[in-house]
Amino acid sequence: MTTLYNIGIRIYYLLIVIASAFNKKASLWKKGRFGVLSKIKENINAEEKNAWFHVSSLGEFEQGRPIMEQFKKHYPEYKIILTFFSPSGYEIRKNYSAADFVCYLPLDTKRNARKFIEYVNPELVFFVKYDYWYHHLKAAQESGSRLFLVSGIFREKQAFFKSYGSWYRQILSWFEHLFVQDIESINLLKQIGIEHCSVAGDTRFDRVTEIAVNSEEIHAAENFASGFSTMVCGSTWPADEEILIDYIENHSNELKLILAPHEIHKSHIEAIEKKLHVPYALYSKSNETDLTEARVLIIDNIGMLSSIYKYGQLSYIGGGLGNGIHNTLEAAVYNIPVLFGPNYRKFREAVDLIKCGGAFAFNAASEFAPLLNNLLSDRGKLSVASQAAGAYVKERKGATKTILNYLKNN
């Protein structure tokens, strides 16, 4: 099986090289790994106390972030080495200040893995959620590193739980402990003889709680929303914007929209402006606009959405009419219910929020207006949904503390 894996890795690399000629992400993947082992050797002292954190992309980084920051606080003598697999994570977080060194994970070959572990010599290794790179994990285990999986989640369809899965199952045996998100994962692991596991929860709940506590004051959003029912619409795509604009254009109620598109390039913002016939304002020009008269505030910059949700009484999460919804927890943490389209079922927190009454989904665009009107007209229902959304997040925080306590006591 290892031979087949090695062949697969080589084929994958070849495909990336071919794709890099015309695909920006593949090009970044390739260029980012050029000379990466030399950079690691030059910048990392293997004689120091090093902790290696690996994440696949940006979402996993956000799950690992609270652990890295608390680890840094409690164990300042350790240097943190952070590796990414995907350019979509690395390119955004390559200057992350809590890490002492950030780079791409070298291609998972036996030679690369041995060199990486030789140069880094990590005492502690944390893999976030998944991304089980065979050679790197094996080299770390053989070197005596302590391996941990954090925010892990397992499903019956994974190779670990198949009749042919013995090769994959050995990887799990190399971890000292598997901190997983739910009891279903524990049950699956115990069925294959993995006992070194426990439910810690999902560190994303810790992250969004921290973001909310430290959120910025966005005065333009505050002034715009003051005295009005406001729905914050985050990470929207054109299909989302179509139904949102249709609603605001055809309903004379006092609802206001804060619209934060996923894409904020000039042509997309201009396309939104052309569709709007109600008074609106651009955040970038909010100082020049009477925000009390505007019914739509378009957020035409990045990095503010997680703070803006607090100015809403409802939230709409984009992507549900396309490939899948974006982050619902960033909104729910502020005790506001969440609305989204039909493509949400692969996101556990979205499913859970619906079950507990903190979120509402619509299956077709025609269902959106009745759903929203029902919430706006029934303040009791809106209040109950708001409390449910906030409680869902509050009850699930604490995974970071659980993991740090394990390290302290072991």
Protein backbone atom coordinates (compact mmCIF):
# COMPACT_ATOMS: atom_id res chain seq x y z
CA MET A 1 0.00 0.00 0.00
CA THR A 2 2.89 2.38 0.76
CA THR A 3 4.15 1.89 -2.79
CA LEU A 4 0.77 2.84 -4.21
CA TYR A 5 0.67 5.87 -1.93
CA ASN A 6 4.12 6.99 -3.12
CA ILE A 7 3.06 6.61 -6.75
CA GLY A 8 -0.07 8.61 -6.03
CA ILE A 9 1.95 11.41 -4.46
CA ARG A 10 4.23 11.58 -7.52
CA ILE A 11 1.27 11.64 -9.90
CA TYR A 12 -0.36 14.38 -7.82
CA TYR A 13 2.82 16.46 -7.99
CA LEU A 14 3.04 15.98 -11.75
CA LEU A 15 -0.56 17.14 -12.17
CA ILE A 16 0.15 20.21 -10.04
CA VAL A 17 3.17 21.05 -12.20
CA ILE A 18 1.07 20.76 -15.36
CA ALA A 19 -1.77 22.80 -13.88
CA SER A 20 0.61 25.49 -12.63
CA ALA A 21 1.02 26.72 -16.20
CA PHE A 22 -2.55 28.02 -16.26
CA ASN A 23 -3.92 27.79 -12.71
CA LYS A 24 -2.91 30.44 -10.17
CA LYS A 25 -3.54 28.28 -7.11
CA ALA A 26 -1.48 25.40 -8.55
CA SER A 27 1.28 27.86 -9.43
CA LEU A 28 1.38 29.18 -5.86
CA TRP A 29 1.39 25.60 -4.54
CA LYS A 30 4.42 24.77 -6.69
CA LYS A 31 6.38 27.99 -6.16
CA GLY A 32 5.73 27.97 -2.45
CA ARG A 33 7.41 24.60 -2.06
CA PHE A 34 10.45 25.47 -4.13
CA GLY A 35 13.44 25.42 -1.77
CA VAL A 36 11.20 25.14 1.28
CA LEU A 37 13.43 22.60 3.04
CA SER A 38 16.46 24.88 2.65
CA LYS A 39 14.47 27.76 4.16
CA ILE A 40 13.43 25.54 7.07
CA LYS A 41 17.04 24.50 7.69
CA GLU A 42 18.21 28.11 7.61
CA ASN A 43 15.51 29.53 9.88
CA ILE A 44 14.82 26.86 12.47
CA ASN A 45 17.14 25.74 15.24
CA ALA A 46 16.58 22.02 15.79
CA GLU A 47 18.25 22.30 19.21
CA GLU A 48 15.49 24.56 20.53
CA LYS A 49 12.14 23.44 21.89
CA ASN A 50 9.90 23.35 18.83
CA ALA A 51 6.20 22.67 18.42
CA TRP A 52 4.88 21.94 14.94
CA PHE A 53 1.29 22.77 13.98
CA HIS A 54 -0.05 21.62 10.62
CA VAL A 55 -3.25 22.82 8.96
CA SER A 56 -4.63 22.14 5.53
CA SER A 57 -6.05 25.56 4.72
CA LEU A 58 -7.63 28.68 6.19
CA GLY A 59 -10.57 26.96 7.88
CA GLU A 60 -8.31 24.55 9.73
CA PHE A 61 -5.99 27.42 10.63
CA GLU A 62 -8.90 29.14 12.39
CA GLN A 63 -9.51 25.92 14.32
CA GLY A 64 -5.85 25.65 15.30
CA ARG A 65 -5.40 29.33 16.07
CA PRO A 66 -6.83 29.37 19.63
CA ILE A 67 -4.63 26.41 20.56
CA MET A 68 -1.50 28.04 19.12
CA GLU A 69 -2.17 31.30 20.91
CA GLN A 70 -2.91 29.68 24.26
CA PHE A 71 0.04 27.32 23.82
CA LYS A 72 2.30 30.32 23.16
CA LYS A 73 0.96 32.00 26.29
CA HIS A 74 1.49 28.99 28.55
CA TYR A 75 4.69 27.65 26.96
CA PRO A 76 6.67 30.68 25.74
CA GLU A 77 9.88 28.64 25.67
CA TYR A 78 8.62 26.79 22.57
CA LYS A 79 9.03 28.01 19.02
CA ILE A 80 5.92 27.45 16.91
CA ILE A 81 6.38 26.16 13.36
CA LEU A 82 3.19 26.39 11.30
CA THR A 83 2.78 24.56 8.01
CA PHE A 84 0.03 24.81 5.40
CA PHE A 85 -0.92 22.47 2.61
CA SER A 86 -3.03 24.88 0.59
CA PRO A 87 -2.16 28.29 -0.86
CA SER A 88 -5.58 29.61 0.14
CA GLY A 89 -4.46 29.35 3.76
CA TYR A 90 -0.76 30.12 3.47
CA GLU A 91 -1.05 33.23 1.31
CA ILE A 92 -3.46 34.84 3.79
CA ARG A 93 -1.74 33.79 7.03
CA LYS A 94 1.94 33.58 6.09
CA ASN A 95 2.68 36.53 8.40
CA TYR A 96 0.78 35.14 11.37
CA SER A 97 2.50 36.68 14.39
CA ALA A 98 1.94 33.89 16.91
CA ALA A 99 4.05 31.50 14.82
CA ASP A 100 7.82 31.79 14.74
CA PHE A 101 8.04 30.31 11.26
CA VAL A 102 5.34 29.72 8.63
CA CYS A 103 5.80 27.70 5.45
CA TYR A 104 4.24 25.19 3.10
CA LEU A 105 4.42 21.53 4.07
CA PRO A 106 6.92 19.85 1.73
CA LEU A 107 5.57 17.24 -0.66
CA ASP A 108 4.90 14.09 1.37
CA THR A 109 7.77 11.88 0.28
CA LYS A 110 9.90 9.76 2.58
CA ARG A 111 13.01 11.86 1.94
CA ASN A 112 11.25 15.20 2.40
CA ALA A 113 9.60 14.06 5.60
CA ARG A 114 12.85 12.83 7.13
CA LYS A 115 14.59 16.10 6.25
CA PHE A 116 11.72 18.15 7.61
CA ILE A 117 11.72 16.32 10.94
CA GLU A 118 15.52 16.47 11.10
CA TYR A 119 15.52 20.25 10.61
CA VAL A 120 12.54 21.00 12.87
CA ASN A 121 12.97 18.26 15.49
CA PRO A 122 9.57 18.95 17.04
CA GLU A 123 8.85 17.82 20.58
CA LEU A 124 5.14 18.30 19.99
CA VAL A 125 3.15 17.88 16.79
CA PHE A 126 -0.45 19.04 16.31
CA PHE A 127 -2.47 18.15 13.22
CA VAL A 128 -5.74 20.04 12.95
CA LYS A 129 -8.90 18.15 11.95
CA TYR A 130 -7.35 15.89 9.28
CA ASP A 131 -4.66 16.00 6.52
CA TYR A 132 -2.96 12.74 7.54
CA TRP A 133 0.32 12.92 5.61
CA TYR A 134 1.79 9.44 5.96
CA HIS A 135 5.52 10.08 5.69
CA HIS A 136 5.62 13.22 7.79
CA LEU A 137 3.58 11.65 10.56
CA LYS A 138 5.65 8.46 10.49
CA ALA A 139 8.94 10.37 10.57
CA ALA A 140 7.70 12.45 13.50
CA GLN A 141 6.54 9.37 15.38
CA GLU A 142 9.80 7.53 14.77
CA SER A 143 11.79 10.55 15.98
CA GLY A 144 10.03 10.47 19.34
CA SER A 145 7.74 13.46 18.82
CA ARG A 146 4.44 13.53 20.67
CA LEU A 147 1.63 13.60 18.10
CA PHE A 148 -1.85 15.02 18.68
CA LEU A 149 -4.92 15.39 16.50
CA VAL A 150 -7.12 18.35 17.48
CA SER A 151 -10.68 19.12 16.39
CA GLY A 152 -10.73 15.76 14.65
CA ILE A 153 -13.93 14.45 13.14
CA PHE A 154 -14.54 11.00 11.69
CA ARG A 155 -17.20 9.58 9.42
CA GLU A 156 -18.07 5.96 8.64
CA LYS A 157 -17.29 6.41 4.94
CA GLN A 158 -13.59 7.18 5.64
CA ALA A 159 -10.97 4.59 4.71
CA PHE A 160 -10.04 4.04 8.37
CA PHE A 161 -13.28 2.14 8.87
CA LYS A 162 -13.28 0.00 5.73
CA SER A 163 -12.22 -3.64 5.42
CA TYR A 164 -9.16 -2.53 3.44
CA GLY A 165 -8.29 0.20 5.96
CA SER A 166 -5.51 -1.39 8.02
CA TRP A 167 -2.83 0.72 6.32
CA TYR A 168 -4.77 3.89 7.15
CA ARG A 169 -5.54 2.76 10.69
CA GLN A 170 -1.85 2.47 11.54
CA ILE A 171 -1.56 6.25 11.06
CA LEU A 172 -4.04 6.81 13.88
CA SER A 173 -2.00 4.56 16.17
CA TRP A 174 0.95 6.95 15.90
CA PHE A 175 -0.92 9.74 17.71
CA GLU A 176 -0.56 9.98 21.46
CA HIS A 177 -4.10 11.31 21.68
CA LEU A 178 -6.95 12.15 19.33
CA PHE A 179 -9.08 15.10 20.48
CA VAL A 180 -12.30 14.82 18.48
CA GLN A 181 -15.41 16.93 18.06
CA ASP A 182 -18.20 14.46 18.85
CA ILE A 183 -19.17 11.16 20.43
CA GLU A 184 -19.92 9.66 17.00
CA SER A 185 -16.22 9.94 16.19
CA ILE A 186 -15.32 8.25 19.48
CA ASN A 187 -17.65 5.34 18.76
CA LEU A 188 -16.17 4.83 15.29
CA LEU A 189 -12.61 4.94 16.61
CA LYS A 190 -13.32 2.43 19.36
CA GLN A 191 -14.84 0.04 16.82
CA ILE A 192 -11.38 -0.23 15.22
CA GLY A 193 -9.52 -0.52 18.52
CA ILE A 194 -8.48 3.12 18.94
CA GLU A 195 -8.84 3.92 22.64
CA HIS A 196 -6.51 6.93 22.97
CA CYS A 197 -9.21 9.45 22.12
CA SER A 198 -11.65 11.78 23.82
CA VAL A 199 -14.27 14.41 23.00
CA ALA A 200 -12.80 17.88 23.40
CA GLY A 201 -15.13 19.66 21.00
CA ASP A 202 -14.48 22.06 18.16
CA THR A 203 -11.99 24.85 18.81
CA ARG A 204 -13.88 27.09 16.37
CA PHE A 205 -16.33 27.85 19.16
CA ASP A 206 -13.45 29.19 21.23
CA ARG A 207 -12.21 31.21 18.28
CA VAL A 208 -15.52 32.92 17.48
CA THR A 209 -16.09 33.63 21.17
CA GLU A 210 -12.68 35.30 21.36
CA ILE A 211 -13.42 37.32 18.21
CA ALA A 212 -16.72 38.51 19.65
CA VAL A 213 -15.16 39.55 22.95
CA ASN A 214 -12.47 41.52 21.12
CA SER A 215 -14.62 42.79 18.26
CA GLU A 216 -14.00 46.24 16.84
CA GLU A 217 -16.44 49.11 16.95
CA ILE A 218 -17.58 49.84 13.40
CA HIS A 219 -19.20 53.24 13.80
CA ALA A 220 -20.63 53.45 10.28
CA ALA A 221 -22.45 50.14 10.78
CA GLU A 222 -23.62 51.20 14.24
CA ASN A 223 -25.00 54.52 12.96
CA PHE A 224 -26.65 52.81 9.99
CA ALA A 225 -28.40 50.18 12.12
CA SER A 226 -29.34 52.34 15.11
CA GLY A 227 -33.08 52.30 15.72
CA PHE A 228 -33.87 49.87 12.89
CA SER A 229 -34.26 46.13 12.47
CA THR A 230 -31.11 45.13 10.60
CA MET A 231 -30.03 41.94 8.89
CA VAL A 232 -26.30 41.45 8.36
CA CYS A 233 -25.68 39.49 5.17
CA GLY A 234 -22.21 37.94 5.19
CA SER A 235 -20.09 36.41 2.42
CA THR A 236 -22.84 36.75 -0.17
CA TRP A 237 -22.61 35.62 -3.79
CA PRO A 238 -24.61 36.96 -6.76
CA ALA A 239 -27.39 34.39 -6.26
CA ASP A 240 -27.75 35.50 -2.63
CA GLU A 241 -27.63 39.17 -3.55
CA GLU A 242 -30.40 38.69 -6.09
CA ILE A 243 -32.95 37.53 -3.53
CA LEU A 244 -31.77 40.01 -0.90
CA ILE A 245 -32.06 42.96 -3.28
CA ASP A 246 -35.42 41.68 -4.54
CA TYR A 247 -36.65 41.61 -0.95
CA ILE A 248 -35.48 45.09 0.00
CA GLU A 249 -36.85 46.54 -3.23
CA ASN A 250 -40.29 45.00 -2.80
CA HIS A 251 -40.95 45.33 0.91
CA SER A 252 -41.61 48.67 2.51
CA ASN A 253 -40.96 47.51 6.07
CA GLU A 254 -38.23 49.17 8.11
CA LEU A 255 -35.70 46.36 7.67
CA LYS A 256 -32.19 47.45 6.70
CA LEU A 257 -29.49 45.29 5.14
CA ILE A 258 -25.77 45.35 5.76
CA LEU A 259 -24.42 43.57 2.70
CA ALA A 260 -20.89 42.12 2.87
CA PRO A 261 -20.19 40.39 -0.47
CA HIS A 262 -17.68 37.56 -0.69
CA GLU A 263 -16.11 39.25 -3.71
CA ILE A 264 -15.45 42.98 -3.32
CA HIS A 265 -13.68 43.82 -6.57
CA LYS A 266 -14.85 47.02 -8.23
CA SER A 267 -16.94 45.45 -11.00
CA HIS A 268 -18.94 43.33 -8.55
CA ILE A 269 -19.67 46.24 -6.22
CA GLU A 270 -20.77 48.31 -9.21
CA ALA A 271 -23.06 45.47 -10.35
CA ILE A 272 -24.75 45.48 -6.93
CA GLU A 273 -25.15 49.26 -7.04
CA LYS A 274 -26.85 49.09 -10.46
CA LYS A 275 -29.48 46.69 -9.12
CA LEU A 276 -30.38 48.86 -6.14
CA HIS A 277 -33.13 51.47 -6.45
CA VAL A 278 -33.54 52.10 -2.73
CA PRO A 279 -31.17 54.50 -0.95
CA TYR A 280 -27.84 52.81 -0.20
CA ALA A 281 -24.33 53.63 0.97
CA LEU A 282 -20.85 52.24 0.43
CA TYR A 283 -18.83 51.72 3.58
CA SER A 284 -15.79 53.28 1.89
CA LYS A 285 -17.81 56.48 1.39
CA SER A 286 -19.90 56.33 4.53
CA ASN A 287 -18.51 59.65 5.79
CA GLU A 288 -20.05 61.33 2.76
CA THR A 289 -23.51 59.73 3.11
CA ASP A 290 -26.54 60.17 5.34
CA LEU A 291 -26.66 56.64 6.74
CA THR A 292 -30.01 57.14 8.45
CA GLU A 293 -31.72 57.41 5.05
CA ALA A 294 -29.95 54.43 3.48
CA ARG A 295 -31.63 51.00 3.54
CA VAL A 296 -28.56 49.09 2.38
CA LEU A 297 -24.96 49.48 3.55
CA ILE A 298 -22.49 47.74 1.23
CA ILE A 299 -19.27 46.65 2.93
CA ASP A 300 -16.66 47.11 0.20
CA ASN A 301 -13.60 46.05 2.18
CA ILE A 302 -12.42 42.94 4.02
CA GLY A 303 -11.68 41.98 7.61
CA MET A 304 -14.69 43.56 9.31
CA LEU A 305 -17.52 41.07 8.94
CA SER A 306 -16.96 39.21 12.21
CA SER A 307 -17.33 42.50 14.10
CA ILE A 308 -20.27 43.80 12.04
CA TYR A 309 -22.59 40.89 12.90
CA LYS A 310 -23.18 42.39 16.35
CA TYR A 311 -25.16 45.26 14.81
CA GLY A 312 -27.86 42.94 13.43
CA GLN A 313 -30.97 41.34 14.83
CA LEU A 314 -30.76 38.67 12.11
CA SER A 315 -28.05 37.35 9.83
CA TYR A 316 -27.93 35.83 6.39
CA ILE A 317 -24.99 33.60 5.46
CA GLY A 318 -24.10 33.43 1.78
CA GLY A 319 -23.22 30.40 -0.30
CA GLY A 320 -26.27 28.28 0.36
CA LEU A 321 -27.53 28.81 -3.17
CA GLY A 322 -24.16 27.71 -4.54
CA ASN A 323 -21.37 25.42 -3.38
CA GLY A 324 -22.07 25.71 0.33
CA ILE A 325 -22.56 28.23 3.12
CA HIS A 326 -19.84 30.20 4.84
CA ASN A 327 -19.20 30.62 8.57
CA THR A 328 -22.43 30.58 10.60
CA LEU A 329 -20.75 30.67 14.01
CA GLU A 330 -19.34 34.17 13.52
CA ALA A 331 -22.94 35.41 13.48
CA ALA A 332 -24.55 33.05 16.00
CA VAL A 333 -22.05 33.99 18.72
CA TYR A 334 -23.75 37.42 18.93
CA ASN A 335 -27.12 35.84 19.81
CA ILE A 336 -28.67 36.42 16.41
CA PRO A 337 -30.47 33.78 14.33
CA VAL A 338 -29.01 32.69 11.02
CA LEU A 339 -30.71 32.28 7.63
CA PHE A 340 -29.23 30.49 4.62
CA GLY A 341 -30.04 28.61 1.43
CA PRO A 342 -30.39 24.86 0.85
CA ASN A 343 -26.75 23.82 0.47
CA TYR A 344 -25.85 23.57 4.15
CA ARG A 345 -26.08 19.88 5.09
CA LYS A 346 -22.36 19.12 5.00
CA PHE A 347 -21.80 21.74 7.72
CA ARG A 348 -22.54 20.17 11.06
CA GLU A 349 -22.97 23.45 12.92
CA ALA A 350 -25.60 24.59 10.41
CA VAL A 351 -27.57 21.36 10.86
CA ASP A 352 -27.26 21.66 14.63
CA LEU A 353 -28.36 25.29 14.64
CA ILE A 354 -31.50 24.39 12.71
CA LYS A 355 -32.26 21.58 15.16
CA CYS A 356 -31.93 23.85 18.18
CA GLY A 357 -33.97 26.64 16.58
CA GLY A 358 -31.15 29.11 16.04
CA ALA A 359 -31.12 28.91 12.24
CA PHE A 360 -33.56 28.67 9.37
CA ALA A 361 -33.03 27.36 5.84
CA PHE A 362 -35.05 27.91 2.68
CA ASN A 363 -35.07 25.47 -0.21
CA ALA A 364 -35.95 27.89 -3.00
CA ALA A 365 -35.64 31.63 -3.53
CA SER A 366 -39.43 31.95 -3.41
CA GLU A 367 -39.40 30.74 0.22
CA PHE A 368 -37.01 33.42 1.45
CA ALA A 369 -39.40 36.38 1.77
CA PRO A 370 -42.12 34.45 3.68
CA LEU A 371 -39.48 33.03 6.03
CA LEU A 372 -38.00 36.44 6.77
CA ASN A 373 -41.39 38.12 7.13
CA ASN A 374 -42.48 35.46 9.61
CA LEU A 375 -39.48 36.19 11.83
CA LEU A 376 -39.87 39.95 11.57
CA SER A 377 -43.57 39.83 12.42
CA ASP A 378 -43.22 37.48 15.38
CA ARG A 379 -40.86 39.11 17.86
CA GLY A 380 -41.33 36.29 20.33
CA LYS A 381 -40.14 33.74 17.80
CA LEU A 382 -37.22 35.97 16.85
CA SER A 383 -36.22 36.33 20.51
CA VAL A 384 -36.32 32.57 21.10
CA ALA A 385 -34.24 31.95 17.97
CA SER A 386 -31.71 34.57 19.04
CA GLN A 387 -31.26 32.94 22.44
CA ALA A 388 -30.95 29.49 20.85
CA ALA A 389 -28.21 30.64 18.46
CA GLY A 390 -26.14 32.21 21.22
CA ALA A 391 -26.61 29.29 23.60
CA TYR A 392 -25.50 26.84 20.92
CA VAL A 393 -22.09 28.54 20.71
CA LYS A 394 -21.72 29.19 24.43
CA GLU A 395 -22.43 25.58 25.40
CA ARG A 396 -19.75 24.24 23.06
CA LYS A 397 -16.75 26.39 23.85
CA GLY A 398 -13.88 25.04 25.93
CA ALA A 399 -12.05 22.65 23.57
CA THR A 400 -8.83 24.68 23.77
CA LYS A 401 -8.83 24.53 27.57
CA THR A 402 -9.39 20.76 27.48
CA ILE A 403 -6.39 20.24 25.18
CA LEU A 404 -4.11 22.55 27.18
CA ASN A 405 -5.11 20.79 30.41
CA TYR A 406 -4.09 17.47 28.88
CA LEU A 407 -0.66 18.86 28.01
CA LYS A 408 -0.29 20.29 31.50
CA ASN A 409 -1.11 16.98 33.18
CA ASN A 410 0.73 14.65 30.84
